[in-house]
Amino acid sequence: MIFYFSLNVTYHDFQQFYRGEVNKVEVHDRNGRTLWIHGRHFRRFLTRSGIVGQFKMEINAQGELVSLCKL
């Protein structure tokens, strides 16, 4: 299954993940579905501006992450 979504999280807000205050990021895909994605999957996209952009995520039939890429 493939999901498309936007994400706009400031660097400051993402620090909550590193401090252990939160571990999942809530996003809403283009079809309005709510997804909870573990923050570790977004680490490679973090910049001084935070995490900003359009993303494509693929999961398998068991709900496991297959791929996550920034478009």
N, C-alpha and C. Protein backbone atom coordinates (compact mmCIF):
# COMPACT_ATOMS: atom_id res chain seq x y z
N MET A 1 0.84 -1.16 0.00
CA MET A 1 0.00 0.00 0.00
C MET A 1 0.90 1.24 0.00
N ILE A 2 0.51 2.24 -0.74
CA ILE A 2 1.31 3.46 -0.87
C ILE A 2 0.50 4.65 -0.35
N PHE A 3 1.19 5.51 0.40
CA PHE A 3 0.59 6.71 0.97
C PHE A 3 1.41 7.92 0.56
N TYR A 4 0.73 9.02 0.28
CA TYR A 4 1.38 10.30 -0.01
C TYR A 4 0.93 11.30 1.05
N PHE A 5 1.87 12.07 1.57
CA PHE A 5 1.52 13.05 2.60
C PHE A 5 2.54 14.17 2.63
N SER A 6 2.13 15.29 3.24
CA SER A 6 3.00 16.44 3.46
C SER A 6 3.42 16.43 4.92
N LEU A 7 4.60 16.97 5.17
CA LEU A 7 5.06 17.09 6.55
C LEU A 7 5.78 18.42 6.70
N ASN A 8 5.47 19.11 7.78
CA ASN A 8 6.12 20.38 8.09
C ASN A 8 6.32 20.43 9.60
N VAL A 9 7.47 19.96 10.05
CA VAL A 9 7.81 19.90 11.47
C VAL A 9 9.07 20.73 11.68
N THR A 10 9.04 21.65 12.61
CA THR A 10 10.22 22.47 12.86
C THR A 10 11.32 21.63 13.51
N TYR A 11 12.53 22.10 13.40
CA TYR A 11 13.66 21.43 14.05
C TYR A 11 13.42 21.34 15.55
N HIS A 12 12.94 22.43 16.13
CA HIS A 12 12.65 22.47 17.57
C HIS A 12 11.62 21.41 17.96
N ASP A 13 10.53 21.31 17.20
CA ASP A 13 9.49 20.33 17.52
C ASP A 13 10.00 18.90 17.38
N PHE A 14 10.87 18.65 16.40
CA PHE A 14 11.38 17.29 16.21
C PHE A 14 12.32 16.89 17.34
N GLN A 15 12.85 17.86 18.06
CA GLN A 15 13.72 17.55 19.19
C GLN A 15 12.97 16.77 20.28
N GLN A 16 11.66 16.86 20.32
CA GLN A 16 10.87 16.08 21.27
C GLN A 16 11.11 14.59 21.07
N PHE A 17 11.33 14.19 19.83
CA PHE A 17 11.63 12.79 19.54
C PHE A 17 12.96 12.39 20.17
N TYR A 18 13.97 13.23 20.01
CA TYR A 18 15.29 12.92 20.56
C TYR A 18 15.30 12.92 22.09
N ARG A 19 14.45 13.71 22.69
CA ARG A 19 14.37 13.76 24.15
C ARG A 19 13.52 12.62 24.71
N GLY A 20 12.89 11.85 23.84
CA GLY A 20 12.07 10.72 24.27
C GLY A 20 10.67 11.11 24.69
N GLU A 21 10.28 12.34 24.42
CA GLU A 21 8.95 12.80 24.80
C GLU A 21 7.87 12.24 23.87
N VAL A 22 8.23 12.01 22.64
CA VAL A 22 7.33 11.40 21.65
C VAL A 22 8.15 10.41 20.83
N ASN A 23 7.47 9.43 20.23
CA ASN A 23 8.22 8.51 19.38
C ASN A 23 7.59 8.34 18.01
N LYS A 24 6.37 8.84 17.84
CA LYS A 24 5.72 8.72 16.54
C LYS A 24 5.26 10.07 16.03
N VAL A 25 5.26 10.19 14.72
CA VAL A 25 4.82 11.40 14.05
C VAL A 25 3.45 11.11 13.44
N GLU A 26 2.49 11.97 13.71
CA GLU A 26 1.16 11.81 13.13
C GLU A 26 1.08 12.62 11.84
N VAL A 27 0.67 11.95 10.77
CA VAL A 27 0.48 12.63 9.49
C VAL A 27 -0.88 12.22 8.93
N HIS A 28 -1.36 13.01 8.00
CA HIS A 28 -2.61 12.70 7.30
C HIS A 28 -2.29 12.60 5.82
N ASP A 29 -2.63 11.48 5.23
CA ASP A 29 -2.31 11.31 3.81
C ASP A 29 -3.30 12.09 2.95
N ARG A 30 -3.07 12.05 1.65
CA ARG A 30 -3.89 12.83 0.71
C ARG A 30 -5.36 12.42 0.72
N ASN A 31 -5.63 11.20 1.21
CA ASN A 31 -7.02 10.71 1.27
C ASN A 31 -7.65 10.91 2.64
N GLY A 32 -6.95 11.63 3.52
CA GLY A 32 -7.49 11.93 4.83
C GLY A 32 -7.24 10.88 5.90
N ARG A 33 -6.52 9.82 5.56
CA ARG A 33 -6.23 8.79 6.55
C ARG A 33 -5.13 9.26 7.50
N THR A 34 -5.27 8.92 8.77
CA THR A 34 -4.27 9.26 9.78
C THR A 34 -3.26 8.15 9.88
N LEU A 35 -1.98 8.51 9.80
CA LEU A 35 -0.89 7.55 9.90
C LEU A 35 0.00 7.93 11.07
N TRP A 36 0.48 6.94 11.81
CA TRP A 36 1.44 7.15 12.89
C TRP A 36 2.73 6.47 12.47
N ILE A 37 3.78 7.27 12.26
CA ILE A 37 5.04 6.75 11.74
C ILE A 37 6.13 7.03 12.77
N HIS A 38 6.92 6.01 13.07
CA HIS A 38 7.98 6.18 14.06
C HIS A 38 8.94 7.27 13.59
N GLY A 39 9.32 8.16 14.50
CA GLY A 39 10.18 9.29 14.18
C GLY A 39 11.53 8.90 13.61
N ARG A 40 12.04 7.72 13.96
CA ARG A 40 13.36 7.31 13.46
C ARG A 40 13.42 7.27 11.94
N HIS A 41 12.27 7.06 11.30
CA HIS A 41 12.24 6.98 9.84
C HIS A 41 12.45 8.34 9.18
N PHE A 42 12.30 9.41 9.95
CA PHE A 42 12.44 10.76 9.41
C PHE A 42 13.80 11.39 9.69
N ARG A 43 14.64 10.74 10.47
CA ARG A 43 15.94 11.33 10.85
C ARG A 43 16.75 11.81 9.65
N ARG A 44 16.78 11.03 8.60
CA ARG A 44 17.62 11.40 7.44
C ARG A 44 17.09 12.62 6.69
N PHE A 45 15.86 13.01 6.96
CA PHE A 45 15.28 14.17 6.29
C PHE A 45 15.39 15.44 7.13
N LEU A 46 15.91 15.34 8.35
CA LEU A 46 15.97 16.48 9.25
C LEU A 46 17.07 17.46 8.85
N THR A 47 16.70 18.72 8.73
CA THR A 47 17.65 19.80 8.44
C THR A 47 17.49 20.86 9.52
N ARG A 48 18.24 21.92 9.42
CA ARG A 48 18.10 23.04 10.37
C ARG A 48 16.71 23.66 10.31
N SER A 49 16.05 23.50 9.18
CA SER A 49 14.69 24.02 9.02
C SER A 49 13.64 23.06 9.57
N GLY A 50 14.05 21.86 9.87
CA GLY A 50 13.12 20.83 10.33
C GLY A 50 12.93 19.78 9.26
N ILE A 51 11.73 19.26 9.18
CA ILE A 51 11.37 18.29 8.15
C ILE A 51 10.21 18.88 7.37
N VAL A 52 10.48 19.25 6.15
CA VAL A 52 9.48 19.92 5.33
C VAL A 52 9.45 19.28 3.96
N GLY A 53 8.26 18.92 3.48
CA GLY A 53 8.16 18.41 2.12
C GLY A 53 7.03 17.44 1.93
N GLN A 54 7.00 16.90 0.73
CA GLN A 54 6.04 15.89 0.32
C GLN A 54 6.74 14.54 0.39
N PHE A 55 6.03 13.53 0.89
CA PHE A 55 6.62 12.21 1.08
C PHE A 55 5.75 11.13 0.47
N LYS A 56 6.42 10.04 0.14
CA LYS A 56 5.76 8.83 -0.35
C LYS A 56 6.21 7.69 0.56
N MET A 57 5.26 6.96 1.12
CA MET A 57 5.57 5.84 1.99
C MET A 57 4.88 4.58 1.48
N GLU A 58 5.62 3.50 1.46
CA GLU A 58 5.06 2.21 1.07
C GLU A 58 5.17 1.25 2.25
N ILE A 59 4.08 0.55 2.52
CA ILE A 59 4.08 -0.48 3.56
C ILE A 59 3.65 -1.80 2.94
N ASN A 60 4.06 -2.91 3.56
CA ASN A 60 3.67 -4.22 3.06
C ASN A 60 2.34 -4.65 3.69
N ALA A 61 1.90 -5.86 3.39
CA ALA A 61 0.61 -6.36 3.87
C ALA A 61 0.57 -6.50 5.40
N GLN A 62 1.74 -6.62 6.03
CA GLN A 62 1.82 -6.73 7.49
C GLN A 62 1.91 -5.37 8.18
N GLY A 63 1.89 -4.30 7.39
CA GLY A 63 1.96 -2.95 7.95
C GLY A 63 3.36 -2.48 8.23
N GLU A 64 4.36 -3.19 7.72
CA GLU A 64 5.76 -2.82 7.93
C GLU A 64 6.23 -1.87 6.84
N LEU A 65 7.06 -0.94 7.22
CA LEU A 65 7.59 0.05 6.28
C LEU A 65 8.49 -0.62 5.24
N VAL A 66 8.20 -0.39 3.98
CA VAL A 66 9.03 -0.88 2.89
C VAL A 66 9.95 0.25 2.41
N SER A 67 9.38 1.45 2.24
CA SER A 67 10.18 2.59 1.80
C SER A 67 9.51 3.89 2.22
N LEU A 68 10.36 4.90 2.39
CA LEU A 68 9.90 6.26 2.69
C LEU A 68 10.84 7.19 1.95
N CYS A 69 10.29 8.00 1.07
CA CYS A 69 11.15 8.92 0.32
C CYS A 69 10.48 10.29 0.22
N LYS A 70 11.35 11.27 0.10
CA LYS A 70 10.88 12.64 -0.07
C LYS A 70 10.76 12.89 -1.56
N LEU A 71 9.64 13.46 -1.96
CA LEU A 71 9.39 13.71 -3.39
C LEU A 71 9.94 15.05 -3.83
